[in-house]
Protein backbone atom coordinates (compact mmCIF):
# COMPACT_ATOMS: atom_id res chain seq x y z
CA MET A 1 -16.40 14.60 14.09
CA PHE A 2 -16.83 15.76 10.49
CA PRO A 3 -15.71 18.83 8.47
CA GLY A 4 -18.87 20.81 9.20
CA GLN A 5 -18.13 20.72 12.92
CA ILE A 6 -14.52 21.78 12.33
CA ALA A 7 -15.74 24.61 10.06
CA THR A 8 -17.82 26.15 12.84
CA VAL A 9 -14.62 26.71 14.84
CA THR A 10 -11.90 27.22 12.19
CA PRO A 11 -13.69 27.88 8.86
CA ASP A 12 -10.61 29.18 7.05
CA LYS A 13 -8.24 26.46 8.17
CA PRO A 14 -6.87 24.36 5.27
CA ALA A 15 -8.49 20.93 5.18
CA VAL A 16 -6.75 19.90 1.94
CA ILE A 17 -3.69 21.26 0.15
CA MET A 18 -2.81 19.95 -3.31
CA ALA A 19 0.96 19.43 -3.42
CA SER A 20 1.65 20.28 -7.07
CA THR A 21 -0.40 23.50 -7.23
CA SER A 22 -0.57 24.61 -3.56
CA GLN A 23 -4.35 24.91 -4.00
CA VAL A 24 -6.06 25.13 -0.61
CA ILE A 25 -9.53 23.85 0.26
CA THR A 26 -10.64 25.23 3.61
CA TYR A 27 -12.91 23.42 6.03
CA LYS A 28 -15.72 25.84 5.20
CA GLU A 29 -15.29 25.20 1.47
CA LEU A 30 -15.07 21.44 1.99
CA ASP A 31 -18.19 21.39 4.17
CA GLU A 32 -20.29 23.53 1.82
CA ALA A 33 -19.24 21.54 -1.25
CA ALA A 34 -20.01 18.25 0.52
CA ASN A 35 -23.41 19.62 1.56
CA ARG A 36 -24.22 20.58 -2.04
CA LEU A 37 -23.34 17.11 -3.31
CA SER A 38 -25.37 15.44 -0.55
CA GLN A 39 -28.36 17.61 -1.53
CA LEU A 40 -27.95 16.57 -5.16
CA LEU A 41 -27.78 12.87 -4.28
CA TYR A 42 -30.89 13.21 -2.16
CA GLN A 43 -32.77 15.01 -4.94
CA HIS A 44 -31.93 12.14 -7.30
CA GLY A 45 -33.53 9.67 -4.93
CA LEU A 46 -30.48 8.26 -3.19
CA ARG A 47 -31.06 7.44 0.45
CA PRO A 48 -28.85 6.19 3.28
CA GLY A 49 -27.56 2.72 2.42
CA ASP A 50 -27.66 3.27 -1.35
CA HIS A 51 -24.46 2.86 -3.34
CA ILE A 52 -22.34 5.13 -5.50
CA ALA A 53 -19.13 4.44 -7.48
CA ILE A 54 -16.26 6.89 -7.88
CA CYS A 55 -13.32 6.71 -10.30
CA LEU A 56 -10.99 9.69 -9.98
CA GLU A 57 -7.32 10.52 -9.98
CA ASN A 58 -5.96 12.38 -6.91
CA HIS A 59 -8.23 15.34 -7.63
CA PRO A 60 -8.68 18.61 -5.67
CA ARG A 61 -12.38 17.79 -5.25
CA TYR A 62 -11.86 14.17 -4.24
CA PHE A 63 -12.72 14.74 -0.60
CA GLU A 64 -15.78 16.87 -1.22
CA VAL A 65 -17.11 13.87 -3.15
CA ILE A 66 -16.21 11.45 -0.34
CA TRP A 67 -17.58 13.69 2.42
CA GLY A 68 -20.67 14.40 0.31
CA CYS A 69 -21.33 10.66 0.34
CA HIS A 70 -20.83 10.56 4.12
CA TYR A 71 -23.20 13.51 4.58
CA ALA A 72 -25.85 11.70 2.53
CA GLY A 73 -25.38 8.34 4.30
CA ILE A 74 -24.21 6.74 1.05
CA ILE A 75 -22.06 3.62 0.73
CA TYR A 76 -19.36 4.48 -1.79
CA THR A 77 -16.92 2.38 -3.76
CA ALA A 78 -13.69 4.16 -4.68
CA CYS A 79 -12.38 2.49 -7.86
CA SER A 80 -8.82 2.45 -9.09
CA SER A 81 -8.23 4.86 -11.96
CA ARG A 82 -5.98 2.17 -13.50
CA LEU A 83 -8.68 -0.45 -14.04
CA THR A 84 -9.64 -1.65 -17.49
CA SER A 85 -13.11 -0.82 -18.75
CA ASP A 86 -14.26 -4.40 -18.19
CA GLU A 87 -13.03 -4.36 -14.58
CA LEU A 88 -14.57 -0.96 -13.86
CA THR A 89 -17.90 -1.93 -15.42
CA TYR A 90 -18.02 -5.09 -13.32
CA ILE A 91 -17.44 -3.21 -10.06
CA ILE A 92 -19.98 -0.48 -10.83
CA ASN A 93 -22.65 -3.06 -11.60
CA ASP A 94 -21.68 -5.43 -8.79
CA CYS A 95 -21.91 -2.75 -6.08
CA ASN A 96 -25.35 -1.72 -7.40
CA ALA A 97 -24.23 1.86 -7.94
CA LYS A 98 -27.04 4.33 -8.59
CA ALA A 99 -24.59 7.13 -9.35
CA PHE A 100 -21.11 7.34 -10.87
CA ILE A 101 -18.66 10.22 -10.51
CA THR A 102 -15.55 10.48 -12.67
CA SER A 103 -13.39 13.13 -14.39
CA LYS A 104 -12.40 14.31 -17.86
CA TYR A 105 -9.10 12.56 -17.23
CA LYS A 106 -11.09 9.32 -17.53
CA ALA A 107 -13.34 10.54 -20.36
CA ASP A 108 -12.38 7.86 -22.90
CA GLN A 109 -13.13 5.08 -20.45
CA ALA A 110 -16.29 6.82 -19.21
CA ALA A 111 -17.58 6.86 -22.78
CA GLU A 112 -16.64 3.23 -23.33
CA ILE A 113 -18.57 1.95 -20.30
CA ALA A 114 -21.59 4.25 -20.60
CA ASP A 115 -23.88 1.69 -22.22
CA ALA A 116 -22.72 -1.11 -19.91
CA ILE A 117 -23.89 0.48 -16.62
CA PRO A 118 -27.66 0.73 -17.22
CA ASN A 119 -28.63 1.02 -13.55
CA VAL A 120 -26.59 4.19 -13.01
CA ASP A 121 -29.06 7.06 -13.33
CA LEU A 122 -26.79 9.92 -12.22
CA ARG A 123 -23.49 10.29 -14.08
CA LEU A 124 -21.25 13.23 -13.23
CA MET A 125 -17.92 14.32 -14.72
CA LEU A 126 -15.39 16.79 -13.32
CA ASP A 127 -13.27 19.16 -15.44
CA GLY A 128 -15.37 18.73 -18.58
CA VAL A 129 -18.24 16.71 -19.94
CA ILE A 130 -19.06 14.12 -22.61
CA ASP A 131 -22.32 12.68 -23.91
CA GLY A 132 -24.16 10.70 -21.27
CA TYR A 133 -22.68 12.64 -18.34
CA GLU A 134 -23.52 15.90 -16.59
CA LYS A 135 -20.95 18.54 -15.70
CA TYR A 136 -20.26 18.03 -11.99
CA GLU A 137 -19.33 21.62 -11.21
CA ASN A 138 -22.48 23.12 -12.75
CA ILE A 139 -25.06 20.77 -11.30
CA VAL A 140 -23.50 20.73 -7.82
CA ALA A 141 -23.18 24.54 -7.70
CA GLN A 142 -26.95 24.81 -8.16
CA GLN A 143 -27.61 22.94 -4.90
CA SER A 144 -28.11 24.39 -1.43
CA PRO A 145 -25.03 24.52 0.86
CA LEU A 146 -27.26 23.73 3.83
CA PRO A 147 -27.06 20.28 5.44
CA LEU A 148 -29.65 17.57 5.01
CA ASN A 149 -31.85 16.78 7.98
CA ASP A 150 -31.24 13.83 10.33
CA ARG A 151 -27.96 12.83 8.75
CA VAL A 152 -26.43 9.38 9.18
CA ASP A 153 -22.83 8.62 8.33
CA GLY A 154 -21.92 7.02 5.02
CA SER A 155 -19.17 4.45 4.65
CA ASP A 156 -16.91 2.87 2.06
CA MET A 157 -17.23 -0.55 0.45
CA LEU A 158 -13.85 -1.25 -1.10
CA TYR A 159 -13.07 -4.22 -3.31
CA SER A 160 -10.69 -7.13 -2.80
CA SER A 161 -10.31 -10.49 -4.53
CA GLY A 162 -13.19 -12.93 -4.98
CA THR A 163 -13.21 -16.71 -5.24
CA THR A 164 -13.86 -16.52 -8.98
CA GLY A 165 -10.91 -14.20 -9.54
CA ARG A 166 -13.21 -11.18 -9.74
CA PRO A 167 -12.82 -8.59 -6.96
CA LYS A 168 -15.42 -8.52 -4.20
CA GLY A 169 -16.66 -5.65 -2.07
CA VAL A 170 -15.94 -5.76 1.65
CA ALA A 171 -19.20 -4.84 3.38
CA LEU A 172 -18.51 -3.79 6.97
CA ASN A 173 -22.13 -3.85 8.22
CA LEU A 174 -21.63 -0.75 10.36
CA GLY A 175 -25.31 0.13 10.50
CA LYS A 176 -26.77 3.62 10.21
CA LEU A 177 -24.83 5.73 12.71
CA PRO A 178 -25.25 9.47 13.24
CA LEU A 179 -22.88 11.58 11.14
CA GLY A 180 -19.63 12.15 13.03
CA SER A 181 -19.92 9.01 15.18
CA PRO A 182 -16.60 7.71 16.58
CA ASN A 183 -14.60 5.94 13.91
CA GLY A 184 -12.15 3.06 14.46
CA VAL A 185 -9.38 4.40 12.22
CA THR A 186 -9.67 7.86 13.75
CA SER A 187 -9.45 6.42 17.25
CA LEU A 188 -6.32 4.50 16.29
CA GLY A 189 -4.84 7.66 14.78
CA GLN A 190 -5.44 9.56 18.01
CA PHE A 191 -4.27 6.77 20.29
CA LEU A 192 -1.24 5.48 18.36
CA PHE A 193 -0.09 8.48 16.36
CA ALA A 194 -1.26 11.43 18.46
CA MET A 195 -3.36 12.86 15.64
CA ASN A 196 -5.12 16.10 16.54
CA ASP A 197 -6.02 19.48 15.05
CA SER A 198 -2.31 20.31 14.75
CA THR A 199 -1.63 17.32 12.50
CA ILE A 200 -0.20 18.07 9.06
CA TYR A 201 -0.49 14.85 7.11
CA LEU A 202 1.35 14.15 3.85
CA SER A 203 -0.45 11.63 1.62
CA PRO A 204 1.73 10.27 -1.22
CA ALA A 205 -0.47 7.41 -2.47
CA PRO A 206 -3.56 7.01 -4.69
CA LEU A 207 -6.65 7.99 -2.72
CA TYR A 208 -8.72 5.06 -3.94
CA HIS A 209 -6.65 2.68 -1.79
CA ALA A 210 -8.10 1.87 1.62
CA ALA A 211 -5.28 3.15 3.82
CA PRO A 212 -4.71 6.57 2.17
CA LEU A 213 -8.45 7.15 1.92
CA ARG A 214 -9.21 6.26 5.52
CA TRP A 215 -6.20 8.01 7.09
CA ASN A 216 -6.96 11.25 5.23
CA MET A 217 -10.53 11.04 6.47
CA ALA A 218 -9.25 10.48 10.01
CA VAL A 219 -7.19 13.66 9.80
CA HIS A 220 -10.29 15.58 8.68
CA ARG A 221 -12.25 14.12 11.59
CA VAL A 222 -9.76 15.57 14.09
CA GLY A 223 -9.40 18.92 12.32
CA GLY A 224 -5.90 18.54 10.84
CA THR A 225 -4.61 19.37 7.36
CA THR A 226 -3.92 16.85 4.59
CA ILE A 227 -1.44 17.48 1.78
CA ILE A 228 -2.19 15.40 -1.30
CA MET A 229 0.52 14.39 -3.75
CA GLU A 230 -0.89 13.67 -7.19
CA HIS A 231 1.99 11.23 -7.76
CA PHE A 232 4.81 10.08 -5.52
CA ASP A 233 8.25 11.50 -6.20
CA ALA A 234 10.94 10.82 -3.60
CA GLU A 235 12.64 14.22 -3.59
CA GLU A 236 9.35 16.09 -3.85
CA TYR A 237 8.11 14.13 -0.84
CA LEU A 238 11.04 15.39 1.26
CA LYS A 239 10.61 18.92 -0.08
CA LEU A 240 6.97 18.93 1.02
CA ILE A 241 7.88 17.73 4.51
CA GLU A 242 10.19 20.72 4.89
CA GLN A 243 7.85 23.20 3.17
CA TYR A 244 4.78 22.40 5.28
CA ASP A 245 6.39 21.14 8.52
CA VAL A 246 4.67 17.82 7.99
CA THR A 247 4.05 15.85 11.18
CA HIS A 248 2.52 12.60 9.90
CA SER A 249 2.67 10.44 6.78
CA GLN A 250 1.50 6.98 5.75
CA THR A 251 3.70 5.15 3.23
CA VAL A 252 4.49 1.78 1.73
CA PRO A 253 7.95 0.14 1.78
CA THR A 254 8.56 0.91 -1.92
CA MET A 255 8.64 4.57 -0.97
CA PHE A 256 11.29 3.88 1.65
CA VAL A 257 13.37 2.15 -1.03
CA ARG A 258 13.11 5.12 -3.38
CA LEU A 259 13.90 7.61 -0.63
CA LEU A 260 16.97 5.65 0.46
CA LYS A 261 18.18 5.42 -3.16
CA LEU A 262 18.30 9.21 -3.47
CA PRO A 263 21.86 10.56 -3.52
CA THR A 264 22.95 11.26 0.05
CA ASP A 265 23.35 14.99 -0.58
CA VAL A 266 19.79 15.18 -1.94
CA ARG A 267 18.26 13.12 0.87
CA THR A 268 19.98 15.06 3.63
CA LYS A 269 19.44 18.60 2.34
CA TYR A 270 15.77 18.62 3.36
CA GLU A 271 14.75 19.16 6.97
CA THR A 272 12.53 16.37 8.34
CA LYS A 273 12.63 17.15 12.06
CA SER A 274 8.93 18.16 12.02
CA LEU A 275 8.00 14.51 11.45
CA THR A 276 6.66 12.78 14.53
CA HIS A 277 5.01 9.69 12.99
CA VAL A 278 5.65 7.80 9.74
CA PHE A 279 3.58 4.64 9.52
CA HIS A 280 3.51 1.93 6.90
CA ALA A 281 1.57 -1.17 5.95
CA ALA A 282 0.26 -2.83 2.76
CA ALA A 283 3.46 -4.79 2.09
CA PRO A 284 6.26 -6.44 4.04
CA CYS A 285 9.28 -4.21 4.49
CA PRO A 286 12.69 -5.85 3.99
CA ILE A 287 14.55 -5.87 7.28
CA ASP A 288 17.56 -3.94 5.98
CA ILE A 289 15.34 -1.24 4.45
CA LYS A 290 13.43 -0.82 7.70
CA GLN A 291 16.65 -0.64 9.69
CA GLN A 292 18.08 2.04 7.38
CA THR A 293 14.86 4.05 7.50
CA ILE A 294 14.74 4.07 11.29
CA ALA A 295 18.44 4.99 11.46
CA TRP A 296 17.76 7.92 9.11
CA LEU A 297 14.44 9.29 10.37
CA GLY A 298 14.74 8.18 13.97
CA PRO A 299 12.43 5.96 16.05
CA ILE A 300 9.29 7.53 14.55
CA VAL A 301 8.55 4.68 12.12
CA HIS A 302 5.48 2.61 12.92
CA GLU A 303 4.05 -0.48 11.23
CA TYR A 304 0.66 -2.12 11.26
CA TYR A 305 -1.04 -5.14 9.74
CA ALA A 306 -4.76 -5.04 9.00
CA GLY A 307 -7.24 -5.47 6.17
CA SER A 308 -10.21 -3.65 4.70
CA GLU A 309 -12.31 -6.25 6.53
CA GLY A 310 -11.55 -4.55 9.85
CA ASN A 311 -11.44 -7.81 11.81
CA GLY A 312 -8.11 -7.13 13.50
CA PHE A 313 -5.29 -4.63 13.92
CA VAL A 314 -1.66 -5.49 14.67
CA TYR A 315 0.90 -2.79 15.46
CA CYS A 316 4.50 -2.12 16.46
CA ASN A 317 6.58 1.01 16.98
CA SER A 318 10.26 1.38 16.12
CA GLU A 319 11.54 0.18 19.49
CA GLN A 320 9.38 -2.94 19.38
CA TRP A 321 10.42 -3.69 15.80
CA LEU A 322 14.12 -3.28 16.53
CA ALA A 323 13.73 -5.76 19.37
CA HIS A 324 11.80 -8.15 17.08
CA PRO A 325 13.12 -7.56 13.52
CA GLY A 326 10.66 -8.63 10.87
CA THR A 327 7.58 -8.54 13.07
CA VAL A 328 4.41 -6.69 12.10
CA GLY A 329 3.61 -6.22 15.78
CA GLN A 330 1.23 -7.27 18.53
CA SER A 331 -2.55 -7.31 18.25
CA LEU A 332 -4.41 -4.23 19.47
CA GLN A 333 -7.77 -5.32 18.07
CA GLY A 334 -8.78 -8.97 18.26
CA VAL A 335 -7.07 -12.00 19.76
CA ILE A 336 -4.74 -13.76 17.30
CA HIS A 337 -5.05 -17.51 16.80
CA ILE A 338 -2.72 -19.54 14.56
CA LEU A 339 -4.60 -22.56 13.20
CA ASP A 340 -3.70 -25.60 11.14
CA ASP A 341 -5.75 -26.79 8.18
CA ASP A 342 -8.12 -28.67 10.49
CA GLY A 343 -8.82 -25.64 12.67
CA ASN A 344 -6.63 -26.72 15.56
CA GLU A 345 -4.67 -24.05 17.42
CA LEU A 346 -0.92 -24.26 16.99
CA GLU A 347 1.85 -23.71 19.51
CA ILE A 348 4.02 -20.60 19.74
CA GLY A 349 6.49 -20.52 16.84
CA GLN A 350 4.47 -22.86 14.64
CA THR A 351 3.29 -21.55 11.28
CA GLY A 352 -0.36 -21.62 10.24
CA THR A 353 -3.28 -19.48 9.09
CA ILE A 354 -3.80 -16.26 11.06
CA TYR A 355 -7.30 -15.82 12.56
CA PHE A 356 -8.71 -12.96 14.61
CA GLU A 357 -11.18 -13.43 17.41
CA SER A 358 -13.06 -10.12 17.52
CA ALA A 359 -16.51 -8.58 17.55
CA ALA A 360 -16.03 -7.04 14.09
CA LYS A 361 -18.44 -8.31 11.44
CA PHE A 362 -17.98 -8.19 7.68
CA GLU A 363 -19.08 -10.02 4.57
CA TYR A 364 -18.02 -10.13 0.95
CA HIS A 365 -20.67 -8.50 -1.21
CA ASN A 366 -22.45 -11.02 -3.45
CA ASP A 367 -20.07 -13.81 -2.40
CA PRO A 368 -21.42 -15.91 0.51
CA GLU A 369 -18.92 -18.64 -0.35
CA LYS A 370 -15.95 -16.33 0.20
CA THR A 371 -17.58 -14.96 3.35
CA GLN A 372 -17.99 -18.46 4.76
CA ALA A 373 -14.44 -19.41 3.76
CA SER A 374 -13.11 -16.55 5.88
CA LYS A 375 -14.56 -18.11 9.07
CA ASP A 376 -12.84 -20.79 11.11
CA SER A 377 -14.01 -24.31 10.30
CA LEU A 378 -14.98 -25.16 13.89
CA GLY A 379 -17.58 -22.41 14.12
CA ARG A 380 -15.98 -20.24 16.79
CA GLY A 381 -16.68 -17.04 14.86
CA TRP A 382 -13.00 -16.26 14.23
CA SER A 383 -12.11 -14.80 10.82
CA THR A 384 -9.03 -14.68 8.62
CA LEU A 385 -7.62 -12.56 5.83
CA GLY A 386 -6.05 -15.77 4.59
CA ASP A 387 -2.51 -14.85 5.60
CA ILE A 388 0.03 -17.29 7.01
CA GLY A 389 2.32 -16.61 9.94
CA TYR A 390 3.37 -17.39 13.49
CA LEU A 391 3.60 -15.82 16.95
CA ASP A 392 6.69 -15.61 19.10
CA ASP A 393 6.64 -16.09 22.87
CA GLU A 394 5.83 -12.39 23.39
CA LYS A 395 2.86 -12.62 21.00
CA PHE A 396 4.55 -10.64 18.24
CA LEU A 397 3.20 -11.69 14.84
CA TYR A 398 5.36 -12.56 11.82
CA LEU A 399 3.96 -13.05 8.31
CA THR A 400 5.33 -15.85 6.18
CA ASP A 401 2.83 -15.92 3.30
CA ARG A 402 -0.23 -14.14 2.04
CA LYS A 403 -3.76 -15.00 1.06
CA ALA A 404 -4.18 -16.94 -2.14
CA PHE A 405 -0.61 -16.04 -3.15
CA MET A 406 -1.66 -12.41 -3.42
CA ILE A 407 1.14 -10.28 -4.89
CA ILE A 408 1.97 -6.90 -3.38
CA ALA A 409 3.94 -4.72 -5.80
CA GLY A 410 4.70 -1.24 -4.52
CA GLY A 411 1.91 -1.49 -1.96
CA VAL A 412 -0.70 -2.46 -4.59
CA ASN A 413 -2.55 -5.74 -4.11
CA ILE A 414 -2.56 -8.01 -7.18
CA TYR A 415 -4.57 -11.21 -7.22
CA PRO A 416 -2.93 -13.85 -9.48
CA GLN A 417 -6.13 -15.72 -10.31
CA GLU A 418 -7.35 -12.87 -12.46
CA ALA A 419 -4.32 -13.19 -14.76
CA GLU A 420 -4.42 -17.00 -14.58
CA ASN A 421 -8.02 -17.01 -15.77
CA ILE A 422 -7.12 -14.86 -18.78
CA LEU A 423 -3.92 -16.68 -19.74
CA VAL A 424 -5.37 -20.18 -19.50
CA SER A 425 -8.03 -19.16 -22.02
CA HIS A 426 -5.40 -18.59 -24.69
CA PRO A 427 -5.28 -21.41 -27.28
CA ASP A 428 -1.52 -21.81 -26.88
CA VAL A 429 -1.76 -22.45 -23.12
CA ILE A 430 -2.49 -25.75 -21.38
CA ASP A 431 -1.74 -24.79 -17.80
CA VAL A 432 -0.54 -21.67 -15.98
CA ALA A 433 0.56 -20.45 -12.56
CA VAL A 434 0.92 -16.76 -11.69
CA PHE A 435 2.71 -15.59 -8.55
CA GLY A 436 5.05 -12.92 -7.23
CA ILE A 437 8.80 -13.04 -7.54
CA PRO A 438 11.37 -10.75 -5.84
CA ASN A 439 11.77 -7.20 -7.09
CA ASP A 440 14.33 -4.96 -5.37
CA GLU A 441 12.30 -1.76 -5.80
CA PHE A 442 8.66 -2.86 -5.63
CA GLY A 443 9.02 -5.86 -3.32
CA GLU A 444 7.43 -8.21 -5.84
CA GLU A 445 6.60 -8.39 -9.52
CA VAL A 446 4.19 -10.63 -11.42
CA LYS A 447 5.58 -13.82 -12.98
CA ALA A 448 3.75 -16.42 -15.06
CA VAL A 449 4.91 -19.99 -15.60
CA VAL A 450 3.10 -21.59 -18.52
CA GLN A 451 2.74 -25.08 -19.90
CA PRO A 452 2.24 -24.36 -23.62
CA THR A 453 0.54 -26.60 -26.15
CA VAL A 454 3.85 -26.72 -28.01
CA MET A 455 7.12 -25.94 -26.28
CA PRO A 456 9.09 -23.16 -28.00
CA ALA A 457 12.00 -24.65 -29.91
CA THR A 458 14.28 -21.62 -29.77
CA PRO A 459 14.84 -18.60 -27.50
CA GLU A 460 13.33 -16.41 -30.22
CA GLU A 461 10.15 -18.49 -30.29
CA ALA A 462 9.95 -18.34 -26.50
CA LYS A 463 10.33 -14.55 -26.53
CA ASN A 464 7.62 -14.21 -29.18
CA LEU A 465 5.20 -16.42 -27.26
CA GLU A 466 5.98 -14.54 -24.04
CA ARG A 467 5.16 -11.22 -25.74
CA LEU A 468 1.96 -12.65 -27.22
CA LEU A 469 0.70 -13.91 -23.85
CA ILE A 470 1.50 -10.68 -22.02
CA GLU A 471 -0.35 -8.68 -24.69
CA HIS A 472 -3.27 -11.12 -24.44
CA CYS A 473 -3.45 -10.48 -20.71
CA LYS A 474 -3.19 -6.70 -21.07
CA ALA A 475 -6.12 -6.69 -23.48
CA THR A 476 -8.38 -7.60 -20.57
CA LEU A 477 -6.63 -6.61 -17.36
CA ALA A 478 -4.87 -3.48 -16.13
CA SER A 479 -1.20 -3.74 -17.04
CA PHE A 480 0.01 -3.80 -13.42
CA LYS A 481 -1.91 -7.06 -12.88
CA CYS A 482 -0.25 -8.77 -15.86
CA PRO A 483 2.99 -10.75 -15.90
CA LYS A 484 6.20 -8.86 -16.49
CA SER A 485 7.75 -12.08 -17.73
CA VAL A 486 6.72 -15.63 -18.70
CA ASP A 487 8.66 -18.87 -18.35
CA PHE A 488 7.72 -22.13 -20.08
CA ARG A 489 7.68 -25.70 -18.75
CA THR A 490 6.58 -29.03 -20.15
CA GLU A 491 4.43 -29.63 -17.05
CA LEU A 492 3.39 -27.81 -13.89
CA PRO A 493 3.48 -29.57 -10.50
CA ARG A 494 -0.04 -30.78 -9.78
CA HIS A 495 -1.46 -33.42 -7.44
CA PRO A 496 -3.49 -36.20 -9.12
CA THR A 497 -6.58 -34.49 -7.67
CA GLY A 498 -5.74 -31.43 -9.77
CA LYS A 499 -4.37 -29.20 -7.00
CA LEU A 500 -1.57 -26.99 -8.23
CA TYR A 501 1.51 -26.94 -6.01
CA LYS A 502 2.22 -23.30 -6.68
CA ARG A 503 4.41 -23.11 -3.59
CA LEU A 504 6.95 -25.44 -5.23
CA LEU A 505 7.22 -23.10 -8.20
CA LYS A 506 7.34 -19.96 -6.13
CA ASP A 507 10.03 -21.32 -3.80
CA GLU A 508 12.39 -21.81 -6.76
CA TYR A 509 12.27 -18.12 -7.59
CA TRP A 510 12.54 -16.95 -3.99
CA ALA A 511 15.36 -19.29 -2.92
CA ALA A 512 18.07 -16.77 -3.74
CA ALA A 513 16.23 -13.83 -2.17
CA GLY A 514 16.69 -14.94 1.42
CA ARG A 515 13.01 -14.33 2.10
CA SER A 516 9.67 -15.81 1.08
CA ILE A 517 7.44 -12.73 1.27
């Protein structure tokens, strides 16, 4: 389904509630606003299959923009509002965006990139306007609230890491389906989490991330209500659960950590009995944190493992997890195969690369090399996210490492090669390795180990060089992708062929943590 169908039955029902202001957007308002935007996109020549880029904070009009794209059959790329101008420009150009929608909150960056996105003909800004952009509210209000004819459903194309260190769009190749066609995430929400028109869903994460975006959309497809937090605050999260009788919420383990660190009297003064399903993904959850969360909230905590690529879906409920601590679950979509480096299938309990055998098809936009690398080497059509793990004798999956040493800090994916490419370009650096090290609150943080041209002679020199390199990285990349700290070594462990043994470095820092992920 889609909001327009819900609006014909319950037009005044809240589709979206903004947590900080209590602003309500009804299904009728959401549908009409999405129709107006779809009309505007059509008038500007965009047709089903064309691309648009969006860079917004958690904004009250976020979902009218997203649903407007769906109504127009547009493929949209939701960009992080924390990207640097260089990163944002690259994505807008790489996805072939014909339109770009942003907000006054991002005005400085919007002005900076204006001349670098020449193929974007339609540029809209919410909450204000600057040169080179049109005021979103004015131009959209002029459009008809009636639907376009013969609508096909739009879809997202979200970005992950590329082989060059640049992010790459995950193209799902869904084809042109009628608007409101059954959706995989929605079906999972109904089947696993009993989502329906009574669902009240609390969303505490940035909407440009795949999981929050898609789960909110799933709630709208079944006629529920989503409550959007502009920023996560642990006590506010609990307050909202009590205030709105929240039934569902999707989180990341960092949020569990922050909730559990609240003083006991604060954490227990809010009523959470309305909750029926709390589900998490995006990062491994420490076993003790998961155990404490289940003990506190009850056996309503669910976990899944999947990627934007949509090639597989692994799931476990609280009872399954307690019986198999540390698992991410059993496969519900796709058959799991654990392969060695030669493509041979490994025995139960043996660790290797995780592949899914499924009918799902995807490719990495403008990166056939990365697309090919995701397929199994023996040509069976199986695909991988690049993660490492093993199966137990009941086919429960355990992760032991992640693709290309990807770092997950607070549920945010960070790809080390981007920082490595920047740091190695500095004249004082000969060699560099970037990877994640343990962080009690965020799961991981970014660490760089550098072989400098000249080893610092004193702690003061080392601190100065560390500061210089971190600033050098931040000049190009978003700060969350840059190292929090830098260590120096006379040489990094490399094979004579040039291969960096990053695992040897990483293991040193994780040895005391009692975990490797």
